[in-house]
Amino acid sequence: MTVFMFLIMSPVCMAKLGARLFVLFLSLTIHAGMLRFAAASIQGYFGDIDMTCPSVCRCDEDFIYCNDRGLSSIPSLPPSASVLYLQNNHINNPGLPTSLERHLSVRVVYLYDNELDEFPMHLPPSVRELHLQDNNIRTIPRTTLARMPLLEKLHLDDNSISTVSIEDQAFADNPRLRLLFLSRNHLSSIPSGLPASLEELRLDDNRISTIPTHAFRGLNSLRCLVLDGNLLANQRIADDTFSRLSNLTELSLVRNSLQTPPVNLPSAHLQRLSLQDNALTHMPRGSLDGMHRLQRLDLSGNNLTTLPRGLFKDLDSLGQLLVRGNPWHCGCNLRWLFDWLRARGNTITVRGLTCHGPDRVRDLALIDLGSEMEECEVVRLTGTKDKGAASGVESSTTNAPPQGSLFTLRSKRPGFGFPDSGLDYTLSSSGVGKSLALNVKPLSHNSIRVTWSAAQPSSSFRLSWLRQGTGNAMESITETLVRGDRQEYLLTSLQPRSSYIICMVPLAVSSESKATVSGDADSDEALVCAKAETSDLSSSEEEQDEDSHQITSLPLAGIIGGATATVSLALIFGVFCWYGHRTGHLCSRDHYTRSSSRKSKTYDDYIESGTKKDNTILEIRGPGFQMTPMPACPPMQPKPLREDYIIHTIFPSNGTGLYKGSNHVSNAGHGTNRGYREGGIPDIDYCYT
């Protein structure tokens, strides 16, 4: 019964059920379409606004190139941007949108060469490298920098930042800042409150003149410090300023006013030291001690003439030595440096170690003075109190180049004492000792010849001389070593009309290869001295005047007669040449005779045709005529009255006509008759017939 009822009602139920299912399917389809439409609308909206590259820029994945576009504001950026190139535009501070803070994927921002007057705000807090050079930024506020706690590199070169415009503790909230560039600003001192994480600091081309003790306090991580182009002097740098920078590897103090290197330089890790273009006059002994890792030393452009012995004793790693632009005096004072460079060989590169004096070795490299340096022995100066100290003359490591021979040493304390000028005895031009006889003789106003003879052979002689000043005052002593096989020496570059005391002592070489005074234990017993006086400068001039007077003492009549004869011969020769030129016998190759009205005169073909004799006339470079004479008659035969010429038309190579229009005439002297007339040459000169 139940089955029967179901079969009867099934068509009606099936119709209703199908209708309901159709309505349900239609509803689901409509809802799905609406959802797809909404999703497409949302995706299209964000794609058009936030997901696409700005139309004025170029994008390469997350690199956004908006530089050199003339922008005054920053356009909308995609959220994936990480590197922004916005340099070389006209962006000012109002051109930085507040929405820029929400781009948390930005790491590097280039905003240099724009029109920013203040430190930019609204930058993303994720920025790690910021380039703001070449703007007009005047202040560095702490609050603005505090919004970028991840900042590592900050470039602020070429702005208008002064020391007072940097807020106190401006970098306190930037614990990761490693690089700070403040070159070419208006700083007058080292900024305070620099972060301890700083590794590179550039303050070149400012107005910094003083560096106090606490300037670099706490900067233990600093590795590179550049202070070029400031107003630094030795008196305004605290003694322990740089000693606190224990990890410093590069120090540059170029273009300042230093006379010596700053004291207590960090030596443990220093690899590059630049001191060029200062006013260095000497390098104190020990100023480079402990710099075992130094690789490059630049002393160019200073006033150094010598370097003290042992200055480079700890420079084991030095590979570059730059010393050009210094007036180096290459004498025995640099013998140690010569040996040091020879020992280093090719492990070091030297630039500019060229001798400025003496004249004998001027413009020669120190390393090339092998033969001269072999003659130079190191003289160890020990001694007694200088008697010339009372005259106020002081010693210096940069004395003027010594006078006399090439390798001399000027000292205030010689190895032996000179005779006291206050004693009642006088020195003569010769001196005789136990083992040496000395003789001196003035040769001119600035030279003295010294000869000697030794009783016993000696390895070398120590020759010393000094000039006596006014009264009993003595000037500085000049010493030199002379080989033992020599018996004379010439002192040059002396002062005219001056008294000189010249002393010599023989030296012997001990077993330890050190020069010692031979003879008795007291060096004064072996010392032999003599005195000589240079002549006046006027006396030598009088001798030259006498010689010239002898040359000009020829009879005046003879000179006048010789001059008159020379002039007469010249006139006669000139008249002869003129007559020969007129007759044509001297310079004519092809001669012919004129008619009987012109007698026997001969004329050159070129002269007769009115053209100068010049081979270049045969090189025709434009349209024109060439006039060639008929075969000439034999010489000495009268020429007929009628002269025949053959006119050859010369066509140019490019096929142009013989005459050119007025607008084509490029040279008034070639091409057409009009050109000759405009050139000022009459017709008779080029068409004579």
Foldseek 3Di string as FASTA:
>chain_A
DVVVVCVVCVVVVVVVVVVVVVVVVVVVVVVVVVVVVVVVVVVVVCCVQAVDADPCWDDDQQEIGNDPSQDQADDHYHLSHAEYHHDHHAHEQVRYDLCQQVSLNHAEYAHDHYAYAADHANHHLNYAEYAHEHYAHAAQAQVRVLSNQNHAEYHHEHYAYEQVRYDVLSCVSNQRHAYYEHEPYAYQEQHPNDHLNYAEYEHEQYAHAAYDQCSCPNNQNHAYYHHENYAYEQVRYDQCNQLSNQNHAYYAHHQYAYQEPRHNHRAQRHAYYHYAQYAHAAYDAPRNPNNLRHAEYAHAHYAYAAYAPPNCVNPNNHAEYEYAHYQHQDALRCLNVLVVCVVCDNSHDYHHQAHNDDPVRHRHHNVPCVVRSVVADDDDFDADAAPQVVVVDDDDPRDDPDFFDRHKDWDRGHNADDDQPPDPDDFAQWWDAPFKIKGWAADAQFKIKIFMDGNDQFQKKKKKKWWQDPDRHTDIIMIGIGGRVDGMGMTGPHHGFTKMKMKMFGWHQDPVRHTDTDDDPHRVRRMIIHMDTGHHPVVVVVVVVVVVVVVVPPDPVVVVVVVVVVVVVVVVVVVVVVVCVFQVPPDEDDWAAEDVVVPRRTDHPCVQQLHDDDPCVVVAQEWDKDKDFDPGDPPPDYDDNDGDIDIDTDHHPVRDDQADDPVPDPALVDRDPNSVVVVVHDPCNRHPD
